[in-house]
Amino acid sequence: PPIRKFSTLPSYLLSSNGPLSAEKKLPNSPSSKAKTKVKDIVTYCTGGVRCEKLTRWISESFESKEKEEKPNIYTLHGGIQAYLDWFQNEMDENRKTQSESLFYGRNYVFDARGYTG
């Protein structure tokens, strides 16, 4: 998303360009009423803290909705870094190969490391 600070993420998500505002309407077969299709949401970040905060915010945003209007929310516990550490251990133990990784690219971090992975 075109944001620079985590604090501006909620307003972006709810804006006209944001993913939470883009609900698709599907015709309800027994009647002429439109039914809302809610997409699943997957969150991930470097270490897991921001995506945990985001998951909580999204869950609270949908508290007043009916069950069928709430998205399923998934998060990568521990973030990308935990996945990279786990995957490296799997490769060290010869249980996985690099080609089996589901993460491609670099995990950029805002410290002296620059990136991991």
C-alpha atoms as a PDB file:
ATOM      1  CA  PRO A   1       0.000   0.000   0.000  1.00  0.00           C
ATOM      2  CA  PRO A   2       1.086   3.587  -0.565  1.00  0.00           C
ATOM      3  CA  ILE A   3       1.747   4.322   3.113  1.00  0.00           C
ATOM      4  CA  ARG A   4       4.883   5.118   5.108  1.00  0.00           C
ATOM      5  CA  LYS A   5       3.672   4.665   8.716  1.00  0.00           C
ATOM      6  CA  PHE A   6       1.706   1.837  10.313  1.00  0.00           C
ATOM      7  CA  SER A   7      -0.592   4.393  11.966  1.00  0.00           C
ATOM      8  CA  THR A   8      -1.978   5.409   8.552  1.00  0.00           C
ATOM      9  CA  LEU A   9      -2.847   1.834   7.539  1.00  0.00           C
ATOM     10  CA  PRO A  10      -6.425   1.764   8.929  1.00  0.00           C
ATOM     11  CA  SER A  11      -7.455   4.878   7.016  1.00  0.00           C
ATOM     12  CA  TYR A  12      -5.952   3.433   3.818  1.00  0.00           C
ATOM     13  CA  LEU A  13      -7.756   0.105   4.268  1.00  0.00           C
ATOM     14  CA  LEU A  14     -11.102   1.863   4.593  1.00  0.00           C
ATOM     15  CA  SER A  15     -10.502   4.402   1.802  1.00  0.00           C
ATOM     16  CA  SER A  16     -12.088   4.043  -1.623  1.00  0.00           C
ATOM     17  CA  ASN A  17      -8.817   2.512  -2.904  1.00  0.00           C
ATOM     18  CA  GLY A  18      -8.396   0.242   0.112  1.00  0.00           C
ATOM     19  CA  PRO A  19      -9.039  -3.493   0.035  1.00  0.00           C
ATOM     20  CA  LEU A  20     -11.625  -3.445   2.837  1.00  0.00           C
ATOM     21  CA  SER A  21     -13.863  -1.084   0.894  1.00  0.00           C
ATOM     22  CA  ALA A  22     -13.940  -3.271  -2.238  1.00  0.00           C
ATOM     23  CA  GLU A  23     -16.665  -5.783  -1.385  1.00  0.00           C
ATOM     24  CA  LYS A  24     -18.143  -7.676  -4.314  1.00  0.00           C
ATOM     25  CA  LYS A  25     -21.877  -8.093  -4.588  1.00  0.00           C
ATOM     26  CA  LEU A  26     -23.166 -11.431  -5.740  1.00  0.00           C
ATOM     27  CA  PRO A  27     -26.778 -12.087  -6.660  1.00  0.00           C
ATOM     28  CA  ASN A  28     -28.606 -14.173  -4.078  1.00  0.00           C
ATOM     29  CA  SER A  29     -30.322 -16.931  -6.054  1.00  0.00           C
ATOM     30  CA  PRO A  30     -33.594 -17.241  -4.061  1.00  0.00           C
ATOM     31  CA  SER A  31     -34.263 -13.497  -4.025  1.00  0.00           C
ATOM     32  CA  SER A  32     -33.273 -10.295  -5.736  1.00  0.00           C
ATOM     33  CA  LYS A  33     -31.238  -9.058  -2.743  1.00  0.00           C
ATOM     34  CA  ALA A  34     -27.486  -8.757  -3.208  1.00  0.00           C
ATOM     35  CA  LYS A  35     -25.259 -10.841  -0.971  1.00  0.00           C
ATOM     36  CA  THR A  36     -21.866  -9.602   0.176  1.00  0.00           C
ATOM     37  CA  LYS A  37     -18.887 -11.851  -0.556  1.00  0.00           C
ATOM     38  CA  VAL A  38     -16.137 -11.318   1.983  1.00  0.00           C
ATOM     39  CA  LYS A  39     -12.600 -12.353   1.057  1.00  0.00           C
ATOM     40  CA  ASP A  40     -10.200 -14.070   3.429  1.00  0.00           C
ATOM     41  CA  ILE A  41      -7.401 -11.860   4.745  1.00  0.00           C
ATOM     42  CA  VAL A  42      -3.785 -12.975   5.232  1.00  0.00           C
ATOM     43  CA  THR A  43      -1.389 -10.721   7.122  1.00  0.00           C
ATOM     44  CA  TYR A  44       2.375 -10.990   7.430  1.00  0.00           C
ATOM     45  CA  CYS A  45       5.264  -8.744   8.367  1.00  0.00           C
ATOM     46  CA  THR A  46       8.920  -9.035   9.314  1.00  0.00           C
ATOM     47  CA  GLY A  47       8.635 -10.129  12.940  1.00  0.00           C
ATOM     48  CA  GLY A  48       4.939 -10.562  13.601  1.00  0.00           C
ATOM     49  CA  VAL A  49       4.202  -7.503  15.743  1.00  0.00           C
ATOM     50  CA  ARG A  50       2.596  -5.225  13.154  1.00  0.00           C
ATOM     51  CA  CYS A  51       0.528  -8.008  11.615  1.00  0.00           C
ATOM     52  CA  GLU A  52      -0.748  -8.995  15.087  1.00  0.00           C
ATOM     53  CA  LYS A  53      -1.804  -5.358  15.638  1.00  0.00           C
ATOM     54  CA  LEU A  54      -3.402  -5.256  12.193  1.00  0.00           C
ATOM     55  CA  THR A  55      -5.248  -8.534  12.743  1.00  0.00           C
ATOM     56  CA  ARG A  56      -6.654  -7.195  16.008  1.00  0.00           C
ATOM     57  CA  TRP A  57      -7.756  -3.939  14.336  1.00  0.00           C
ATOM     58  CA  ILE A  58      -9.460  -5.790  11.469  1.00  0.00           C
ATOM     59  CA  SER A  59     -11.215  -8.173  13.878  1.00  0.00           C
ATOM     60  CA  GLU A  60     -12.503  -5.267  15.954  1.00  0.00           C
ATOM     61  CA  SER A  61     -13.649  -3.463  12.797  1.00  0.00           C
ATOM     62  CA  PHE A  62     -15.897  -6.398  11.921  1.00  0.00           C
ATOM     63  CA  GLU A  63     -17.222  -7.126  15.462  1.00  0.00           C
ATOM     64  CA  SER A  64     -20.677  -5.684  14.790  1.00  0.00           C
ATOM     65  CA  LYS A  65     -21.158  -7.571  11.506  1.00  0.00           C
ATOM     66  CA  GLU A  66     -23.013 -10.830  11.038  1.00  0.00           C
ATOM     67  CA  LYS A  67     -20.868 -13.984  10.940  1.00  0.00           C
ATOM     68  CA  GLU A  68     -21.198 -14.398   7.149  1.00  0.00           C
ATOM     69  CA  GLU A  69     -19.993 -10.805   6.661  1.00  0.00           C
ATOM     70  CA  LYS A  70     -16.776 -11.300   8.660  1.00  0.00           C
ATOM     71  CA  PRO A  71     -13.590 -12.299   6.856  1.00  0.00           C
ATOM     72  CA  ASN A  72     -11.443 -15.193   7.970  1.00  0.00           C
ATOM     73  CA  ILE A  73      -8.186 -13.607   9.117  1.00  0.00           C
ATOM     74  CA  TYR A  74      -4.900 -15.499   9.025  1.00  0.00           C
ATOM     75  CA  THR A  75      -1.485 -14.321  10.116  1.00  0.00           C
ATOM     76  CA  LEU A  76       2.004 -15.712   9.763  1.00  0.00           C
ATOM     77  CA  HIS A  77       2.928 -16.082  13.441  1.00  0.00           C
ATOM     78  CA  GLY A  78       6.386 -14.715  14.071  1.00  0.00           C
ATOM     79  CA  GLY A  79       6.407 -13.030  10.668  1.00  0.00           C
ATOM     80  CA  ILE A  80       8.529 -13.713   7.618  1.00  0.00           C
ATOM     81  CA  GLN A  81      11.649 -13.920   9.773  1.00  0.00           C
ATOM     82  CA  ALA A  82      10.252 -16.893  11.733  1.00  0.00           C
ATOM     83  CA  TYR A  83       9.390 -18.622   8.454  1.00  0.00           C
ATOM     84  CA  LEU A  84      12.890 -17.995   7.084  1.00  0.00           C
ATOM     85  CA  ASP A  85      14.478 -19.330  10.287  1.00  0.00           C
ATOM     86  CA  TRP A  86      12.218 -22.404  10.257  1.00  0.00           C
ATOM     87  CA  PHE A  87      12.918 -23.044   6.579  1.00  0.00           C
ATOM     88  CA  GLN A  88      16.673 -22.715   7.061  1.00  0.00           C
ATOM     89  CA  ASN A  89      16.478 -25.301   9.846  1.00  0.00           C
ATOM     90  CA  GLU A  90      14.493 -27.621   7.552  1.00  0.00           C
ATOM     91  CA  MET A  91      17.194 -27.277   4.885  1.00  0.00           C
ATOM     92  CA  ASP A  92      19.964 -27.845   7.462  1.00  0.00           C
ATOM     93  CA  GLU A  93      18.210 -31.087   8.460  1.00  0.00           C
ATOM     94  CA  ASN A  94      17.801 -32.094   4.763  1.00  0.00           C
ATOM     95  CA  ARG A  95      14.011 -32.094   5.000  1.00  0.00           C
ATOM     96  CA  LYS A  96      13.527 -29.266   2.491  1.00  0.00           C
ATOM     97  CA  THR A  97      15.354 -27.787  -0.482  1.00  0.00           C
ATOM     98  CA  GLN A  98      15.579 -24.128  -1.483  1.00  0.00           C
ATOM     99  CA  SER A  99      13.229 -24.754  -4.423  1.00  0.00           C
ATOM    100  CA  GLU A 100      10.467 -25.700  -1.948  1.00  0.00           C
ATOM    101  CA  SER A 101      10.466 -22.310  -0.250  1.00  0.00           C
ATOM    102  CA  LEU A 102       7.218 -20.339  -0.495  1.00  0.00           C
ATOM    103  CA  PHE A 103       9.057 -17.055   0.022  1.00  0.00           C
ATOM    104  CA  TYR A 104      10.823 -15.436  -2.924  1.00  0.00           C
ATOM    105  CA  GLY A 105      12.796 -12.236  -2.787  1.00  0.00           C
ATOM    106  CA  ARG A 106      14.291 -10.288   0.074  1.00  0.00           C
ATOM    107  CA  ASN A 107      12.884  -9.493   3.488  1.00  0.00           C
ATOM    108  CA  TYR A 108      13.876  -5.858   3.965  1.00  0.00           C
ATOM    109  CA  VAL A 109      14.376  -4.733   7.552  1.00  0.00           C
ATOM    110  CA  PHE A 110      15.046  -1.314   8.990  1.00  0.00           C
ATOM    111  CA  ASP A 111      18.270  -1.978  10.842  1.00  0.00           C
ATOM    112  CA  ALA A 112      21.937  -2.605  10.038  1.00  0.00           C
ATOM    113  CA  ARG A 113      21.176  -5.932   8.317  1.00  0.00           C
ATOM    114  CA  GLY A 114      19.304  -4.229   5.456  1.00  0.00           C
ATOM    115  CA  TYR A 115      17.584  -7.453   4.465  1.00  0.00           C
ATOM    116  CA  THR A 116      17.358 -11.127   5.389  1.00  0.00           C
ATOM    117  CA  GLY A 117      16.487 -14.163   3.346  1.00  0.00           C
END
